[in-house]
Amino acid sequence: MNGHPHKHAKHGEQKGDGPLPRLIAWELTRTCNLSCVHCRAASIDKPYPNELTTEECMNLLDEVASFASPIMILTGGEPLLRPDVFEIATYGTQKGLRMVLATNGLLIDTETTKQMREASIQRVSISLDGATAESHDKFRQAAGAFAGSLRGIDLLKKASIEFQINTTITRENLHELPDIQKLAEDLGAVAHHIFLLVPTGRGKDF
């Protein structure tokens, strides 16, 4: 963005007439390593046709950076299943955008935390939809999902990467919200974001 007249614009600050987006949640892929009961995309672990190529993703970032400076949330599906996710994140950072990542945490290891830092990922959100392994794993329809998410959080902490907890509220887990909030605090999350169930995809039957 060198030479751009608005290169000093703050994130979400408008670069022209009218309001501009402060935050964009970008579903990079529909593919996911889980099959959660509430998933609006009804994602499963398989490739989907016609997803944007790396070049097309970079072109989209060019377009966004030409008129706004929003926070870009790289999400899915599971964004870590895209082999070019950090290439995309790095490019967005170079364009002056604040790049963040939303993941279930199961695919985080020491190599991915290194790549996150190299790509200047500013924050990672991990989804916890239950305060215990029993409730979270049921929600995510995968044994070990809770333990995997906590393991991912631990690796983020060791890498000094800021993280937050995301929770989707349904009738099944509403009673657990205070316990999930306490868990987020105990884990050291910088924020706990609450989402309401979107009744589409698998979520329409939940």
N, C-alpha and C. Protein backbone atom coordinates (compact mmCIF):
# COMPACT_ATOMS: atom_id res chain seq x y z
N MET A 1 0.82 -1.20 0.00
CA MET A 1 0.00 0.00 0.00
C MET A 1 0.86 1.25 0.00
N ASN A 2 2.14 1.13 -0.31
CA ASN A 2 3.01 2.29 -0.35
C ASN A 2 2.49 3.29 -1.36
N GLY A 3 2.44 4.56 -0.96
CA GLY A 3 1.99 5.61 -1.85
C GLY A 3 0.50 5.81 -1.85
N HIS A 4 -0.25 4.91 -1.21
CA HIS A 4 -1.71 5.06 -1.13
C HIS A 4 -2.02 6.25 -0.23
N PRO A 5 -2.92 7.15 -0.66
CA PRO A 5 -3.21 8.34 0.14
C PRO A 5 -3.81 8.04 1.50
N HIS A 6 -4.30 6.81 1.69
CA HIS A 6 -4.92 6.46 2.97
C HIS A 6 -4.12 5.38 3.69
N LYS A 7 -2.82 5.33 3.44
CA LYS A 7 -2.03 4.25 4.03
C LYS A 7 -1.98 4.30 5.54
N HIS A 8 -2.33 5.46 6.14
CA HIS A 8 -2.31 5.57 7.59
C HIS A 8 -3.69 5.37 8.20
N ALA A 9 -4.66 4.96 7.39
CA ALA A 9 -6.01 4.73 7.91
C ALA A 9 -6.00 3.61 8.92
N LYS A 10 -6.74 3.79 10.00
CA LYS A 10 -6.86 2.75 11.02
C LYS A 10 -7.79 1.66 10.51
N HIS A 11 -7.71 0.47 11.15
CA HIS A 11 -8.57 -0.64 10.73
C HIS A 11 -10.03 -0.25 10.87
N GLY A 12 -10.77 -0.40 9.75
CA GLY A 12 -12.18 -0.07 9.75
C GLY A 12 -12.45 1.38 9.41
N GLU A 13 -11.41 2.22 9.32
CA GLU A 13 -11.61 3.62 8.99
C GLU A 13 -11.95 3.74 7.53
N GLN A 14 -12.89 4.62 7.21
CA GLN A 14 -13.31 4.72 5.83
C GLN A 14 -12.28 5.43 4.98
N LYS A 15 -12.18 5.00 3.71
CA LYS A 15 -11.25 5.59 2.76
C LYS A 15 -12.00 6.35 1.68
N GLY A 16 -13.25 6.49 1.82
CA GLY A 16 -14.03 7.20 0.82
C GLY A 16 -15.36 7.61 1.42
N ASP A 17 -16.38 7.73 0.58
CA ASP A 17 -17.69 8.15 1.04
C ASP A 17 -18.46 6.95 1.59
N GLY A 18 -19.19 7.20 2.69
CA GLY A 18 -20.05 6.18 3.25
C GLY A 18 -19.33 5.23 4.18
N PRO A 19 -20.09 4.42 4.92
CA PRO A 19 -19.51 3.47 5.88
C PRO A 19 -18.80 2.33 5.17
N LEU A 20 -17.74 1.85 5.80
CA LEU A 20 -16.97 0.74 5.25
C LEU A 20 -16.87 -0.38 6.28
N PRO A 21 -16.66 -1.61 5.83
CA PRO A 21 -16.61 -2.73 6.77
C PRO A 21 -15.43 -2.63 7.73
N ARG A 22 -15.69 -2.91 8.99
CA ARG A 22 -14.64 -2.96 10.00
C ARG A 22 -14.11 -4.37 10.19
N LEU A 23 -14.91 -5.34 9.78
CA LEU A 23 -14.55 -6.74 9.98
C LEU A 23 -15.18 -7.57 8.88
N ILE A 24 -14.39 -8.47 8.29
CA ILE A 24 -14.89 -9.38 7.25
C ILE A 24 -14.54 -10.81 7.64
N ALA A 25 -15.56 -11.66 7.79
CA ALA A 25 -15.35 -13.08 8.05
C ALA A 25 -15.35 -13.78 6.70
N TRP A 26 -14.21 -14.32 6.33
CA TRP A 26 -14.01 -14.88 5.00
C TRP A 26 -13.89 -16.40 5.10
N GLU A 27 -14.88 -17.10 4.59
CA GLU A 27 -14.87 -18.56 4.62
C GLU A 27 -14.00 -19.07 3.47
N LEU A 28 -12.73 -19.32 3.78
CA LEU A 28 -11.76 -19.71 2.76
C LEU A 28 -12.07 -21.06 2.13
N THR A 29 -12.66 -21.95 2.91
CA THR A 29 -12.95 -23.29 2.41
C THR A 29 -14.17 -23.86 3.14
N ARG A 30 -14.85 -24.77 2.46
CA ARG A 30 -15.96 -25.47 3.10
C ARG A 30 -15.49 -26.76 3.74
N THR A 31 -14.31 -27.22 3.37
CA THR A 31 -13.78 -28.48 3.90
C THR A 31 -13.46 -28.36 5.39
N CYS A 32 -13.76 -29.39 6.15
CA CYS A 32 -13.51 -29.35 7.59
C CYS A 32 -13.19 -30.76 8.10
N ASN A 33 -12.39 -30.83 9.14
CA ASN A 33 -12.03 -32.12 9.74
C ASN A 33 -13.02 -32.55 10.80
N LEU A 34 -14.07 -31.75 11.04
CA LEU A 34 -15.14 -32.12 11.96
C LEU A 34 -16.48 -32.08 11.23
N SER A 35 -17.52 -32.54 11.91
CA SER A 35 -18.86 -32.54 11.33
C SER A 35 -19.84 -32.07 12.39
N CYS A 36 -19.70 -30.81 12.77
CA CYS A 36 -20.43 -30.27 13.93
C CYS A 36 -21.93 -30.17 13.68
N VAL A 37 -22.69 -30.37 14.76
CA VAL A 37 -24.15 -30.45 14.63
C VAL A 37 -24.77 -29.14 14.17
N HIS A 38 -24.07 -28.01 14.40
CA HIS A 38 -24.67 -26.70 14.10
C HIS A 38 -24.16 -26.10 12.80
N CYS A 39 -23.29 -26.79 12.05
CA CYS A 39 -22.58 -26.20 10.92
C CYS A 39 -23.53 -25.71 9.83
N ARG A 40 -23.49 -24.40 9.57
CA ARG A 40 -24.38 -23.84 8.56
C ARG A 40 -23.95 -24.25 7.15
N ALA A 41 -22.66 -24.59 6.98
CA ALA A 41 -22.16 -25.01 5.67
C ALA A 41 -22.29 -26.51 5.46
N ALA A 42 -22.69 -27.24 6.51
CA ALA A 42 -22.75 -28.71 6.46
C ALA A 42 -21.43 -29.28 5.95
N SER A 43 -20.33 -28.74 6.45
CA SER A 43 -19.00 -29.13 5.99
C SER A 43 -18.64 -30.55 6.41
N ILE A 44 -17.87 -31.21 5.56
CA ILE A 44 -17.29 -32.50 5.90
C ILE A 44 -15.87 -32.54 5.33
N ASP A 45 -15.12 -33.58 5.70
CA ASP A 45 -13.72 -33.67 5.31
C ASP A 45 -13.58 -34.23 3.90
N LYS A 46 -13.84 -33.37 2.92
CA LYS A 46 -13.66 -33.73 1.51
C LYS A 46 -13.42 -32.43 0.74
N PRO A 47 -12.77 -32.51 -0.41
CA PRO A 47 -12.57 -31.29 -1.20
C PRO A 47 -13.88 -30.85 -1.86
N TYR A 48 -14.06 -29.56 -1.98
CA TYR A 48 -15.24 -29.02 -2.65
C TYR A 48 -14.79 -28.30 -3.92
N PRO A 49 -15.56 -28.41 -5.00
CA PRO A 49 -15.17 -27.77 -6.27
C PRO A 49 -15.38 -26.26 -6.24
N ASN A 50 -14.66 -25.59 -7.11
CA ASN A 50 -14.86 -24.17 -7.41
C ASN A 50 -14.52 -23.22 -6.25
N GLU A 51 -13.69 -23.67 -5.29
CA GLU A 51 -13.22 -22.73 -4.28
C GLU A 51 -12.17 -21.82 -4.91
N LEU A 52 -11.99 -20.64 -4.35
CA LEU A 52 -11.06 -19.67 -4.93
C LEU A 52 -9.64 -20.21 -4.94
N THR A 53 -8.92 -19.93 -6.01
CA THR A 53 -7.52 -20.28 -6.09
C THR A 53 -6.71 -19.29 -5.24
N THR A 54 -5.43 -19.60 -5.03
CA THR A 54 -4.57 -18.68 -4.29
C THR A 54 -4.55 -17.32 -4.95
N GLU A 55 -4.39 -17.29 -6.26
CA GLU A 55 -4.34 -16.02 -6.99
C GLU A 55 -5.65 -15.25 -6.84
N GLU A 56 -6.77 -15.96 -6.91
CA GLU A 56 -8.07 -15.29 -6.75
C GLU A 56 -8.23 -14.74 -5.34
N CYS A 57 -7.71 -15.46 -4.35
CA CYS A 57 -7.76 -14.97 -2.97
C CYS A 57 -6.95 -13.68 -2.83
N MET A 58 -5.79 -13.64 -3.44
CA MET A 58 -4.96 -12.45 -3.37
C MET A 58 -5.61 -11.28 -4.10
N ASN A 59 -6.28 -11.58 -5.20
CA ASN A 59 -7.00 -10.52 -5.92
C ASN A 59 -8.11 -9.95 -5.05
N LEU A 60 -8.78 -10.81 -4.30
CA LEU A 60 -9.83 -10.33 -3.40
C LEU A 60 -9.25 -9.41 -2.34
N LEU A 61 -8.09 -9.79 -1.77
CA LEU A 61 -7.44 -8.95 -0.77
C LEU A 61 -7.03 -7.60 -1.37
N ASP A 62 -6.58 -7.63 -2.62
CA ASP A 62 -6.25 -6.37 -3.31
C ASP A 62 -7.48 -5.47 -3.37
N GLU A 63 -8.62 -6.06 -3.71
CA GLU A 63 -9.85 -5.27 -3.82
C GLU A 63 -10.26 -4.70 -2.48
N VAL A 64 -10.22 -5.53 -1.44
CA VAL A 64 -10.59 -5.06 -0.11
C VAL A 64 -9.68 -3.91 0.33
N ALA A 65 -8.37 -4.10 0.17
CA ALA A 65 -7.40 -3.10 0.62
C ALA A 65 -7.50 -1.81 -0.18
N SER A 66 -8.13 -1.85 -1.35
CA SER A 66 -8.24 -0.65 -2.17
C SER A 66 -9.26 0.34 -1.64
N PHE A 67 -10.17 -0.13 -0.76
CA PHE A 67 -11.21 0.78 -0.28
C PHE A 67 -11.43 0.73 1.23
N ALA A 68 -10.80 -0.23 1.95
CA ALA A 68 -11.05 -0.34 3.39
C ALA A 68 -9.87 -1.01 4.08
N SER A 69 -9.85 -0.94 5.39
CA SER A 69 -8.81 -1.60 6.20
C SER A 69 -9.45 -2.41 7.31
N PRO A 70 -10.27 -3.40 6.95
CA PRO A 70 -10.96 -4.18 7.98
C PRO A 70 -10.08 -5.25 8.59
N ILE A 71 -10.55 -5.81 9.70
CA ILE A 71 -9.98 -7.05 10.21
C ILE A 71 -10.48 -8.17 9.30
N MET A 72 -9.56 -9.01 8.83
CA MET A 72 -9.93 -10.13 7.96
C MET A 72 -9.85 -11.43 8.76
N ILE A 73 -11.01 -12.05 8.98
CA ILE A 73 -11.06 -13.33 9.70
C ILE A 73 -11.00 -14.46 8.68
N LEU A 74 -9.92 -15.22 8.71
CA LEU A 74 -9.80 -16.39 7.84
C LEU A 74 -10.47 -17.57 8.54
N THR A 75 -11.59 -18.02 7.98
CA THR A 75 -12.37 -19.07 8.63
C THR A 75 -12.78 -20.11 7.60
N GLY A 76 -13.70 -20.98 7.95
CA GLY A 76 -14.12 -22.04 7.03
C GLY A 76 -15.51 -22.51 7.38
N GLY A 77 -15.74 -23.84 7.28
CA GLY A 77 -14.82 -24.93 7.25
C GLY A 77 -13.65 -24.75 8.23
N GLU A 78 -12.60 -25.49 7.94
CA GLU A 78 -11.38 -25.39 8.73
C GLU A 78 -10.28 -24.78 7.86
N PRO A 79 -9.93 -23.51 8.10
CA PRO A 79 -8.97 -22.83 7.23
C PRO A 79 -7.59 -23.47 7.20
N LEU A 80 -7.21 -24.18 8.27
CA LEU A 80 -5.89 -24.80 8.28
C LEU A 80 -5.80 -25.99 7.32
N LEU A 81 -6.92 -26.39 6.72
CA LEU A 81 -6.90 -27.44 5.71
C LEU A 81 -6.54 -26.88 4.33
N ARG A 82 -6.49 -25.57 4.20
CA ARG A 82 -6.02 -24.98 2.95
C ARG A 82 -4.51 -24.87 3.01
N PRO A 83 -3.78 -25.51 2.11
CA PRO A 83 -2.32 -25.47 2.17
C PRO A 83 -1.74 -24.08 1.95
N ASP A 84 -2.54 -23.17 1.37
CA ASP A 84 -2.05 -21.82 1.09
C ASP A 84 -2.53 -20.79 2.12
N VAL A 85 -3.09 -21.24 3.25
CA VAL A 85 -3.69 -20.29 4.19
C VAL A 85 -2.68 -19.26 4.70
N PHE A 86 -1.45 -19.68 4.95
CA PHE A 86 -0.47 -18.73 5.48
C PHE A 86 0.11 -17.84 4.38
N GLU A 87 0.11 -18.35 3.16
CA GLU A 87 0.48 -17.51 2.02
C GLU A 87 -0.54 -16.39 1.85
N ILE A 88 -1.81 -16.73 1.99
CA ILE A 88 -2.88 -15.74 1.90
C ILE A 88 -2.78 -14.75 3.06
N ALA A 89 -2.55 -15.26 4.27
CA ALA A 89 -2.44 -14.40 5.45
C ALA A 89 -1.27 -13.44 5.32
N THR A 90 -0.14 -13.94 4.84
CA THR A 90 1.05 -13.10 4.66
C THR A 90 0.77 -11.99 3.66
N TYR A 91 0.10 -12.32 2.58
CA TYR A 91 -0.22 -11.32 1.56
C TYR A 91 -1.14 -10.24 2.13
N GLY A 92 -2.15 -10.67 2.91
CA GLY A 92 -3.04 -9.71 3.53
C GLY A 92 -2.31 -8.78 4.48
N THR A 93 -1.38 -9.33 5.26
CA THR A 93 -0.56 -8.52 6.16
C THR A 93 0.24 -7.50 5.37
N GLN A 94 0.82 -7.92 4.26
CA GLN A 94 1.60 -7.01 3.42
C GLN A 94 0.74 -5.90 2.83
N LYS A 95 -0.56 -6.17 2.66
CA LYS A 95 -1.48 -5.15 2.16
C LYS A 95 -1.95 -4.21 3.26
N GLY A 96 -1.49 -4.44 4.48
CA GLY A 96 -1.86 -3.56 5.58
C GLY A 96 -3.12 -3.95 6.31
N LEU A 97 -3.61 -5.18 6.07
CA LEU A 97 -4.82 -5.66 6.72
C LEU A 97 -4.46 -6.43 8.00
N ARG A 98 -5.36 -6.38 8.98
CA ARG A 98 -5.16 -7.13 10.22
C ARG A 98 -5.72 -8.53 10.00
N MET A 99 -4.84 -9.52 9.90
CA MET A 99 -5.25 -10.88 9.58
C MET A 99 -5.38 -11.71 10.86
N VAL A 100 -6.54 -12.34 11.01
CA VAL A 100 -6.78 -13.21 12.16
C VAL A 100 -7.33 -14.54 11.64
N LEU A 101 -7.32 -15.54 12.50
CA LEU A 101 -7.67 -16.90 12.08
C LEU A 101 -8.69 -17.51 13.03
N ALA A 102 -9.72 -18.16 12.48
CA ALA A 102 -10.72 -18.86 13.27
C ALA A 102 -10.62 -20.35 12.97
N THR A 103 -10.35 -21.15 13.99
CA THR A 103 -10.10 -22.58 13.80
C THR A 103 -10.69 -23.38 14.95
N ASN A 104 -10.86 -24.69 14.74
CA ASN A 104 -11.28 -25.54 15.86
C ASN A 104 -10.10 -25.94 16.72
N GLY A 105 -8.89 -25.67 16.24
CA GLY A 105 -7.69 -25.88 17.05
C GLY A 105 -7.04 -27.24 16.93
N LEU A 106 -7.71 -28.21 16.33
CA LEU A 106 -7.20 -29.58 16.32
C LEU A 106 -5.95 -29.74 15.46
N LEU A 107 -5.77 -28.89 14.46
CA LEU A 107 -4.64 -29.03 13.55
C LEU A 107 -3.46 -28.15 13.93
N ILE A 108 -3.55 -27.46 15.04
CA ILE A 108 -2.45 -26.60 15.47
C ILE A 108 -1.31 -27.46 16.03
N ASP A 109 -0.11 -27.22 15.55
CA ASP A 109 1.09 -27.83 16.12
C ASP A 109 2.18 -26.77 16.15
N THR A 110 3.38 -27.16 16.54
CA THR A 110 4.45 -26.16 16.67
C THR A 110 4.80 -25.54 15.32
N GLU A 111 4.67 -26.29 14.25
CA GLU A 111 4.97 -25.75 12.93
C GLU A 111 3.93 -24.70 12.51
N THR A 112 2.64 -24.99 12.79
CA THR A 112 1.62 -24.01 12.41
C THR A 112 1.71 -22.74 13.24
N THR A 113 2.07 -22.85 14.51
CA THR A 113 2.23 -21.63 15.31
C THR A 113 3.40 -20.81 14.79
N LYS A 114 4.45 -21.47 14.33
CA LYS A 114 5.58 -20.76 13.72
C LYS A 114 5.12 -20.02 12.46
N GLN A 115 4.32 -20.70 11.64
CA GLN A 115 3.82 -20.09 10.41
C GLN A 115 2.86 -18.94 10.72
N MET A 116 2.07 -19.07 11.78
CA MET A 116 1.18 -17.99 12.19
C MET A 116 1.98 -16.73 12.52
N ARG A 117 3.05 -16.90 13.25
CA ARG A 117 3.88 -15.77 13.63
C ARG A 117 4.56 -15.16 12.41
N GLU A 118 5.04 -16.00 11.52
CA GLU A 118 5.69 -15.50 10.31
C GLU A 118 4.72 -14.74 9.41
N ALA A 119 3.46 -15.16 9.41
CA ALA A 119 2.43 -14.49 8.61
C ALA A 119 1.82 -13.30 9.33
N SER A 120 2.26 -13.04 10.57
CA SER A 120 1.75 -11.94 11.40
C SER A 120 0.25 -12.07 11.66
N ILE A 121 -0.21 -13.32 11.92
CA ILE A 121 -1.58 -13.53 12.39
C ILE A 121 -1.70 -12.83 13.74
N GLN A 122 -2.65 -11.90 13.85
CA GLN A 122 -2.76 -11.07 15.05
C GLN A 122 -3.51 -11.74 16.20
N ARG A 123 -4.44 -12.61 15.85
CA ARG A 123 -5.22 -13.31 16.88
C ARG A 123 -5.78 -14.58 16.29
N VAL A 124 -5.94 -15.60 17.13
CA VAL A 124 -6.56 -16.86 16.72
C VAL A 124 -7.77 -17.10 17.62
N SER A 125 -8.89 -17.45 17.01
CA SER A 125 -10.06 -17.83 17.80
C SER A 125 -10.22 -19.34 17.75
N ILE A 126 -10.51 -19.91 18.92
CA ILE A 126 -10.76 -21.34 19.07
C ILE A 126 -12.20 -21.52 19.53
N SER A 127 -12.92 -22.41 18.90
CA SER A 127 -14.31 -22.64 19.28
C SER A 127 -14.41 -23.67 20.39
N LEU A 128 -15.07 -23.28 21.48
CA LEU A 128 -15.42 -24.20 22.57
C LEU A 128 -16.92 -24.06 22.81
N ASP A 129 -17.66 -25.12 22.57
CA ASP A 129 -19.12 -25.07 22.68
C ASP A 129 -19.64 -25.90 23.84
N GLY A 130 -18.72 -26.31 24.70
CA GLY A 130 -19.07 -27.01 25.92
C GLY A 130 -17.96 -26.81 26.92
N ALA A 131 -18.30 -26.90 28.19
CA ALA A 131 -17.31 -26.70 29.25
C ALA A 131 -16.57 -27.97 29.60
N THR A 132 -17.02 -29.09 29.04
CA THR A 132 -16.39 -30.39 29.32
C THR A 132 -16.18 -31.14 28.02
N ALA A 133 -15.34 -32.16 28.10
CA ALA A 133 -15.11 -33.00 26.92
C ALA A 133 -16.41 -33.66 26.46
N GLU A 134 -17.22 -34.09 27.42
CA GLU A 134 -18.46 -34.78 27.07
C GLU A 134 -19.38 -33.89 26.23
N SER A 135 -19.61 -32.67 26.69
CA SER A 135 -20.56 -31.80 26.00
C SER A 135 -19.97 -31.24 24.71
N HIS A 136 -18.70 -30.83 24.72
CA HIS A 136 -18.08 -30.26 23.53
C HIS A 136 -17.94 -31.32 22.44
N ASP A 137 -17.49 -32.51 22.80
CA ASP A 137 -17.31 -33.57 21.81
C ASP A 137 -18.64 -33.98 21.19
N LYS A 138 -19.71 -33.96 21.98
CA LYS A 138 -21.04 -34.27 21.46
C LYS A 138 -21.46 -33.21 20.44
N PHE A 139 -21.20 -31.96 20.75
CA PHE A 139 -21.53 -30.84 19.88
C PHE A 139 -20.76 -30.95 18.57
N ARG A 140 -19.49 -31.32 18.69
CA ARG A 140 -18.59 -31.39 17.52
C ARG A 140 -18.64 -32.75 16.83
N GLN A 141 -19.34 -33.71 17.42
CA GLN A 141 -19.50 -35.05 16.87
C GLN A 141 -18.16 -35.73 16.60
N ALA A 142 -17.23 -35.53 17.55
CA ALA A 142 -15.90 -36.14 17.40
C ALA A 142 -15.27 -36.34 18.76
N ALA A 143 -14.99 -37.59 19.10
CA ALA A 143 -14.28 -37.86 20.35
C ALA A 143 -12.89 -37.25 20.30
N GLY A 144 -12.50 -36.59 21.38
CA GLY A 144 -11.17 -35.98 21.43
C GLY A 144 -11.12 -34.54 20.94
N ALA A 145 -12.25 -34.01 20.48
CA ALA A 145 -12.26 -32.64 19.96
C ALA A 145 -11.92 -31.63 21.05
N PHE A 146 -12.46 -31.83 22.24
CA PHE A 146 -12.21 -30.91 23.36
C PHE A 146 -10.73 -30.92 23.72
N ALA A 147 -10.17 -32.11 23.87
CA ALA A 147 -8.75 -32.24 24.21
C ALA A 147 -7.88 -31.63 23.12
N GLY A 148 -8.27 -31.81 21.85
CA GLY A 148 -7.51 -31.24 20.75
C GLY A 148 -7.53 -29.73 20.75
N SER A 149 -8.69 -29.15 21.06
CA SER A 149 -8.79 -27.69 21.13
C SER A 149 -7.93 -27.13 22.26
N LEU A 150 -7.97 -27.79 23.42
CA LEU A 150 -7.15 -27.34 24.55
C LEU A 150 -5.66 -27.48 24.24
N ARG A 151 -5.31 -28.52 23.53
CA ARG A 151 -3.91 -28.70 23.13
C ARG A 151 -3.48 -27.57 22.19
N GLY A 152 -4.37 -27.21 21.26
CA GLY A 152 -4.07 -26.11 20.36
C GLY A 152 -3.91 -24.79 21.09
N ILE A 153 -4.76 -24.56 22.08
CA ILE A 153 -4.66 -23.35 22.90
C ILE A 153 -3.34 -23.30 23.64
N ASP A 154 -2.94 -24.43 24.19
CA ASP A 154 -1.67 -24.48 24.92
C ASP A 154 -0.50 -24.14 24.01
N LEU A 155 -0.53 -24.61 22.77
CA LEU A 155 0.54 -24.30 21.82
C LEU A 155 0.53 -22.83 21.43
N LEU A 156 -0.65 -22.24 21.30
CA LEU A 156 -0.74 -20.81 21.02
C LEU A 156 -0.14 -20.00 22.16
N LYS A 157 -0.43 -20.40 23.38
CA LYS A 157 0.12 -19.70 24.54
C LYS A 157 1.64 -19.81 24.58
N LYS A 158 2.16 -20.99 24.29
CA LYS A 158 3.61 -21.18 24.29
C LYS A 158 4.28 -20.33 23.21
N ALA A 159 3.55 -20.07 22.12
CA ALA A 159 4.09 -19.26 21.03
C ALA A 159 3.78 -17.77 21.21
N SER A 160 3.14 -17.43 22.34
CA SER A 160 2.77 -16.04 22.64
C SER A 160 1.88 -15.44 21.55
N ILE A 161 0.93 -16.26 21.07
CA ILE A 161 -0.05 -15.79 20.09
C ILE A 161 -1.37 -15.53 20.81
N GLU A 162 -1.89 -14.34 20.65
CA GLU A 162 -3.14 -13.95 21.30
C GLU A 162 -4.29 -14.83 20.80
N PHE A 163 -5.14 -15.27 21.74
CA PHE A 163 -6.28 -16.10 21.33
C PHE A 163 -7.54 -15.69 22.08
N GLN A 164 -8.67 -16.01 21.46
CA GLN A 164 -9.97 -15.81 22.08
C GLN A 164 -10.76 -17.10 21.95
N ILE A 165 -11.84 -17.20 22.73
CA ILE A 165 -12.74 -18.34 22.67
C ILE A 165 -14.04 -17.90 22.01
N ASN A 166 -14.52 -18.69 21.05
CA ASN A 166 -15.83 -18.48 20.43
C ASN A 166 -16.78 -19.58 20.88
N THR A 167 -18.01 -19.22 21.18
CA THR A 167 -19.02 -20.20 21.60
C THR A 167 -20.33 -19.94 20.87
N THR A 168 -20.85 -20.98 20.22
CA THR A 168 -22.18 -20.90 19.61
C THR A 168 -23.20 -21.43 20.60
N ILE A 169 -24.20 -20.60 20.90
CA ILE A 169 -25.20 -20.96 21.90
C ILE A 169 -26.43 -21.60 21.25
N THR A 170 -26.83 -22.74 21.80
CA THR A 170 -28.06 -23.41 21.40
C THR A 170 -28.81 -23.80 22.67
N ARG A 171 -29.97 -24.39 22.50
CA ARG A 171 -30.72 -24.86 23.67
C ARG A 171 -29.95 -25.95 24.42
N GLU A 172 -29.07 -26.65 23.70
CA GLU A 172 -28.35 -27.76 24.30
C GLU A 172 -27.24 -27.31 25.26
N ASN A 173 -26.65 -26.15 25.02
CA ASN A 173 -25.51 -25.74 25.85
C ASN A 173 -25.70 -24.41 26.57
N LEU A 174 -26.88 -23.81 26.46
CA LEU A 174 -27.12 -22.51 27.10
C LEU A 174 -26.81 -22.55 28.60
N HIS A 175 -27.17 -23.66 29.24
CA HIS A 175 -26.95 -23.76 30.69
C HIS A 175 -25.46 -23.82 31.06
N GLU A 176 -24.62 -24.12 30.08
CA GLU A 176 -23.18 -24.23 30.33
C GLU A 176 -22.43 -22.91 30.16
N LEU A 177 -23.13 -21.89 29.70
CA LEU A 177 -22.45 -20.64 29.36
C LEU A 177 -21.59 -20.09 30.50
N PRO A 178 -22.08 -20.05 31.76
CA PRO A 178 -21.21 -19.55 32.84
C PRO A 178 -19.92 -20.37 33.00
N ASP A 179 -20.04 -21.70 32.84
CA ASP A 179 -18.86 -22.55 32.98
C ASP A 179 -17.90 -22.36 31.82
N ILE A 180 -18.44 -22.14 30.61
CA ILE A 180 -17.58 -21.90 29.45
C ILE A 180 -16.85 -20.56 29.62
N GLN A 181 -17.58 -19.57 30.16
CA GLN A 181 -16.96 -18.27 30.41
C GLN A 181 -15.80 -18.40 31.42
N LYS A 182 -16.04 -19.17 32.46
CA LYS A 182 -14.98 -19.36 33.46
C LYS A 182 -13.79 -20.10 32.85
N LEU A 183 -14.07 -21.09 32.01
CA LEU A 183 -13.01 -21.82 31.34
C LEU A 183 -12.18 -20.89 30.47
N ALA A 184 -12.85 -20.00 29.73
CA ALA A 184 -12.14 -19.04 28.88
C ALA A 184 -11.22 -18.16 29.71
N GLU A 185 -11.71 -17.72 30.86
CA GLU A 185 -10.90 -16.89 31.75
C GLU A 185 -9.71 -17.68 32.30
N ASP A 186 -9.98 -18.91 32.72
CA ASP A 186 -8.91 -19.73 33.29
C ASP A 186 -7.82 -20.05 32.27
N LEU A 187 -8.22 -20.19 31.01
CA LEU A 187 -7.27 -20.50 29.95
C LEU A 187 -6.43 -19.29 29.56
N GLY A 188 -6.91 -18.10 29.92
CA GLY A 188 -6.18 -16.88 29.58
C GLY A 188 -6.58 -16.25 28.26
N ALA A 189 -7.80 -16.54 27.80
CA ALA A 189 -8.28 -15.94 26.55
C ALA A 189 -8.42 -14.42 26.71
N VAL A 190 -8.12 -13.70 25.64
CA VAL A 190 -8.25 -12.23 25.68
C VAL A 190 -9.70 -11.80 25.49
N ALA A 191 -10.55 -12.71 25.00
CA ALA A 191 -11.96 -12.39 24.80
C ALA A 191 -12.76 -13.68 24.71
N HIS A 192 -14.06 -13.57 24.96
CA HIS A 192 -14.99 -14.69 24.79
C HIS A 192 -16.16 -14.17 23.98
N HIS A 193 -16.25 -14.58 22.73
CA HIS A 193 -17.29 -14.10 21.83
C HIS A 193 -18.42 -15.13 21.73
N ILE A 194 -19.64 -14.63 21.89
CA ILE A 194 -20.83 -15.47 21.88
C ILE A 194 -21.55 -15.33 20.55
N PHE A 195 -21.94 -16.45 19.96
CA PHE A 195 -22.67 -16.45 18.70
C PHE A 195 -23.98 -17.21 18.89
N LEU A 196 -25.02 -16.76 18.19
CA LEU A 196 -26.29 -17.46 18.22
C LEU A 196 -26.36 -18.43 17.04
N LEU A 197 -27.03 -19.54 17.23
CA LEU A 197 -27.15 -20.55 16.20
C LEU A 197 -27.80 -19.97 14.95
N VAL A 198 -27.19 -20.22 13.80
CA VAL A 198 -27.78 -19.84 12.51
C VAL A 198 -28.54 -21.05 11.98
N PRO A 199 -29.87 -20.96 11.86
CA PRO A 199 -30.67 -22.13 11.49
C PRO A 199 -30.62 -22.45 10.00
N THR A 200 -29.43 -22.83 9.53
CA THR A 200 -29.27 -23.25 8.14
C THR A 200 -28.22 -24.36 8.11
N GLY A 201 -28.10 -25.04 7.00
CA GLY A 201 -27.21 -26.20 6.95
C GLY A 201 -27.65 -27.24 7.98
N ARG A 202 -26.71 -27.86 8.68
CA ARG A 202 -27.08 -28.81 9.72
C ARG A 202 -27.76 -28.10 10.89
N GLY A 203 -27.49 -26.80 11.04
CA GLY A 203 -28.07 -26.04 12.15
C GLY A 203 -29.58 -25.94 12.11
N LYS A 204 -30.18 -26.11 10.93
CA LYS A 204 -31.63 -25.98 10.82
C LYS A 204 -32.37 -27.11 11.53
N ASP A 205 -31.68 -28.20 11.77
CA ASP A 205 -32.30 -29.36 12.43
C ASP A 205 -31.87 -29.50 13.88
N PHE A 206 -31.13 -28.52 14.39
CA PHE A 206 -30.57 -28.65 15.74
C PHE A 206 -31.31 -27.78 16.73
